[in-house]
Amino acid sequence: MTTTQESESAEPVDDGQVLAAAGLSYPIAPGYRVKVRKGPGTDYPVVRRLAEGARIEIRCQRHGERVSGPYGTSDIWDSIGPGQYISDTYVHTGSDGMVAPRCMG
């Protein structure tokens, strides 16, 4: 039996579909249900949670709170929609740096 590991937060679960209509999608670390937050840090409220096995499209990236996850420690946060951020440490991008444009504003 496998157990699901909780990431740095939790709320309603998404159905795991790709979150944007076009572009590259990246997988969430296996075994995690990642919390989506209103901003780039764990002090921001959780707006929902991604299902285990979800794939996401990164709209843009910004620096925020430094956190550790299955893919290391980083201050990069991925915007997956308006007011929706997840730590890049839970996303398999194949890079330790930014892979999308920097978020403006």
C-alpha atoms as a PDB file:
ATOM      1  CA  MET A   1       0.000   0.000   0.000  1.00  0.00           C
ATOM      2  CA  THR A   2       1.329   3.438  -0.862  1.00  0.00           C
ATOM      3  CA  THR A   3       0.765   6.513   1.215  1.00  0.00           C
ATOM      4  CA  THR A   4       0.326  10.024  -0.041  1.00  0.00           C
ATOM      5  CA  GLN A   5       2.745  12.579   1.339  1.00  0.00           C
ATOM      6  CA  GLU A   6       1.382  15.998   2.098  1.00  0.00           C
ATOM      7  CA  SER A   7       3.275  18.987   0.760  1.00  0.00           C
ATOM      8  CA  GLU A   8       3.649  22.217   2.681  1.00  0.00           C
ATOM      9  CA  SER A   9      -0.173  22.757   2.724  1.00  0.00           C
ATOM     10  CA  ALA A  10      -3.742  21.341   2.048  1.00  0.00           C
ATOM     11  CA  GLU A  11      -7.277  22.254   0.878  1.00  0.00           C
ATOM     12  CA  PRO A  12      -9.776  21.156  -1.802  1.00  0.00           C
ATOM     13  CA  VAL A  13      -8.266  18.819  -4.386  1.00  0.00           C
ATOM     14  CA  ASP A  14      -8.101  19.530  -8.130  1.00  0.00           C
ATOM     15  CA  ASP A  15      -8.844  16.699 -10.551  1.00  0.00           C
ATOM     16  CA  GLY A  16      -5.224  16.561 -11.807  1.00  0.00           C
ATOM     17  CA  GLN A  17      -5.759  17.815 -15.329  1.00  0.00           C
ATOM     18  CA  VAL A  18      -3.332  20.127 -17.075  1.00  0.00           C
ATOM     19  CA  LEU A  19      -4.171  23.561 -15.738  1.00  0.00           C
ATOM     20  CA  ALA A  20      -3.757  25.609 -18.893  1.00  0.00           C
ATOM     21  CA  ALA A  21      -4.907  25.140 -22.437  1.00  0.00           C
ATOM     22  CA  ALA A  22      -1.561  25.258 -24.230  1.00  0.00           C
ATOM     23  CA  GLY A  23       2.185  25.092 -23.700  1.00  0.00           C
ATOM     24  CA  LEU A  24       4.506  22.806 -21.788  1.00  0.00           C
ATOM     25  CA  SER A  25       3.228  20.911 -18.798  1.00  0.00           C
ATOM     26  CA  TYR A  26       5.382  19.627 -15.947  1.00  0.00           C
ATOM     27  CA  PRO A  27       4.665  16.759 -13.540  1.00  0.00           C
ATOM     28  CA  ILE A  28       4.248  17.226  -9.806  1.00  0.00           C
ATOM     29  CA  ALA A  29       6.543  15.021  -7.703  1.00  0.00           C
ATOM     30  CA  PRO A  30       5.115  11.495  -7.383  1.00  0.00           C
ATOM     31  CA  GLY A  31       3.233  10.834  -4.141  1.00  0.00           C
ATOM     32  CA  TYR A  32       2.509  14.497  -3.342  1.00  0.00           C
ATOM     33  CA  ARG A  33      -0.721  16.483  -3.251  1.00  0.00           C
ATOM     34  CA  VAL A  34       0.672  19.993  -3.540  1.00  0.00           C
ATOM     35  CA  LYS A  35      -1.058  22.986  -2.000  1.00  0.00           C
ATOM     36  CA  VAL A  36      -1.698  25.917  -4.327  1.00  0.00           C
ATOM     37  CA  ARG A  37      -1.258  29.220  -2.511  1.00  0.00           C
ATOM     38  CA  LYS A  38      -2.404  32.768  -3.201  1.00  0.00           C
ATOM     39  CA  GLY A  39       1.220  34.020  -3.254  1.00  0.00           C
ATOM     40  CA  PRO A  40       4.849  32.829  -3.295  1.00  0.00           C
ATOM     41  CA  GLY A  41       5.193  31.576   0.284  1.00  0.00           C
ATOM     42  CA  THR A  42       3.716  29.323   2.949  1.00  0.00           C
ATOM     43  CA  ASP A  43       2.235  32.315   4.808  1.00  0.00           C
ATOM     44  CA  TYR A  44      -0.193  32.875   1.931  1.00  0.00           C
ATOM     45  CA  PRO A  45      -3.597  31.158   2.162  1.00  0.00           C
ATOM     46  CA  VAL A  46      -4.199  27.885   0.372  1.00  0.00           C
ATOM     47  CA  VAL A  47      -6.647  28.250  -2.533  1.00  0.00           C
ATOM     48  CA  ARG A  48      -6.798  24.551  -3.500  1.00  0.00           C
ATOM     49  CA  ARG A  49      -4.712  21.402  -3.679  1.00  0.00           C
ATOM     50  CA  LEU A  50      -3.449  19.493  -6.703  1.00  0.00           C
ATOM     51  CA  ALA A  51      -4.215  15.813  -7.062  1.00  0.00           C
ATOM     52  CA  GLU A  52      -1.443  13.265  -6.877  1.00  0.00           C
ATOM     53  CA  GLY A  53      -0.012  12.800 -10.398  1.00  0.00           C
ATOM     54  CA  ALA A  54      -1.100  16.256 -11.604  1.00  0.00           C
ATOM     55  CA  ARG A  55       0.703  18.089 -14.380  1.00  0.00           C
ATOM     56  CA  ILE A  56       0.865  21.881 -14.461  1.00  0.00           C
ATOM     57  CA  GLU A  57       1.678  24.622 -16.934  1.00  0.00           C
ATOM     58  CA  ILE A  58       3.913  27.328 -15.511  1.00  0.00           C
ATOM     59  CA  ARG A  59       2.688  30.763 -16.630  1.00  0.00           C
ATOM     60  CA  CYS A  60       5.547  32.647 -14.978  1.00  0.00           C
ATOM     61  CA  GLN A  61       7.913  32.357 -11.996  1.00  0.00           C
ATOM     62  CA  ARG A  62       8.972  34.617  -9.124  1.00  0.00           C
ATOM     63  CA  HIS A  63      11.231  34.523  -6.114  1.00  0.00           C
ATOM     64  CA  GLY A  64       9.557  34.123  -2.729  1.00  0.00           C
ATOM     65  CA  GLU A  65       9.956  32.115   0.459  1.00  0.00           C
ATOM     66  CA  ARG A  66      12.756  29.537   0.409  1.00  0.00           C
ATOM     67  CA  VAL A  67      11.332  26.041   0.954  1.00  0.00           C
ATOM     68  CA  SER A  68      12.510  22.438   0.640  1.00  0.00           C
ATOM     69  CA  GLY A  69      10.731  19.719  -1.304  1.00  0.00           C
ATOM     70  CA  PRO A  70      11.459  16.495  -3.162  1.00  0.00           C
ATOM     71  CA  TYR A  71      13.448  18.350  -5.840  1.00  0.00           C
ATOM     72  CA  GLY A  72      15.668  20.348  -3.465  1.00  0.00           C
ATOM     73  CA  THR A  73      15.553  23.731  -1.763  1.00  0.00           C
ATOM     74  CA  SER A  74      14.630  26.868  -3.676  1.00  0.00           C
ATOM     75  CA  ASP A  75      12.949  30.259  -3.469  1.00  0.00           C
ATOM     76  CA  ILE A  76      11.389  29.871  -6.938  1.00  0.00           C
ATOM     77  CA  TRP A  77       7.583  29.757  -7.025  1.00  0.00           C
ATOM     78  CA  ASP A  78       5.587  28.825 -10.121  1.00  0.00           C
ATOM     79  CA  SER A  79       2.449  30.740 -11.074  1.00  0.00           C
ATOM     80  CA  ILE A  80      -0.106  28.317 -12.506  1.00  0.00           C
ATOM     81  CA  GLY A  81      -2.976  30.806 -12.703  1.00  0.00           C
ATOM     82  CA  PRO A  82      -3.993  34.213 -11.361  1.00  0.00           C
ATOM     83  CA  GLY A  83      -3.275  34.186  -7.609  1.00  0.00           C
ATOM     84  CA  GLN A  84      -2.132  30.531  -7.736  1.00  0.00           C
ATOM     85  CA  TYR A  85       1.448  29.581  -6.796  1.00  0.00           C
ATOM     86  CA  ILE A  86       3.253  26.354  -5.991  1.00  0.00           C
ATOM     87  CA  SER A  87       6.838  25.868  -4.876  1.00  0.00           C
ATOM     88  CA  ASP A  88       9.085  24.843  -7.758  1.00  0.00           C
ATOM     89  CA  THR A  89      10.626  22.230  -5.414  1.00  0.00           C
ATOM     90  CA  TYR A  90       7.538  20.052  -6.044  1.00  0.00           C
ATOM     91  CA  VAL A  91       7.665  20.351  -9.857  1.00  0.00           C
ATOM     92  CA  HIS A  92       9.935  18.278 -12.106  1.00  0.00           C
ATOM     93  CA  THR A  93      11.181  20.918 -14.543  1.00  0.00           C
ATOM     94  CA  GLY A  94      14.612  19.370 -15.144  1.00  0.00           C
ATOM     95  CA  SER A  95      16.287  22.600 -14.019  1.00  0.00           C
ATOM     96  CA  ASP A  96      17.415  24.248 -10.780  1.00  0.00           C
ATOM     97  CA  GLY A  97      16.715  27.670 -12.310  1.00  0.00           C
ATOM     98  CA  MET A  98      13.769  29.400 -13.896  1.00  0.00           C
ATOM     99  CA  VAL A  99      12.143  27.740 -16.909  1.00  0.00           C
ATOM    100  CA  ALA A 100       9.462  30.368 -17.569  1.00  0.00           C
ATOM    101  CA  PRO A 101       9.344  34.159 -17.772  1.00  0.00           C
ATOM    102  CA  ARG A 102       9.584  36.143 -14.547  1.00  0.00           C
ATOM    103  CA  CYS A 103       6.180  37.223 -13.200  1.00  0.00           C
ATOM    104  CA  MET A 104       5.567  40.956 -13.512  1.00  0.00           C
ATOM    105  CA  GLY A 105       4.151  43.013 -10.666  1.00  0.00           C
END
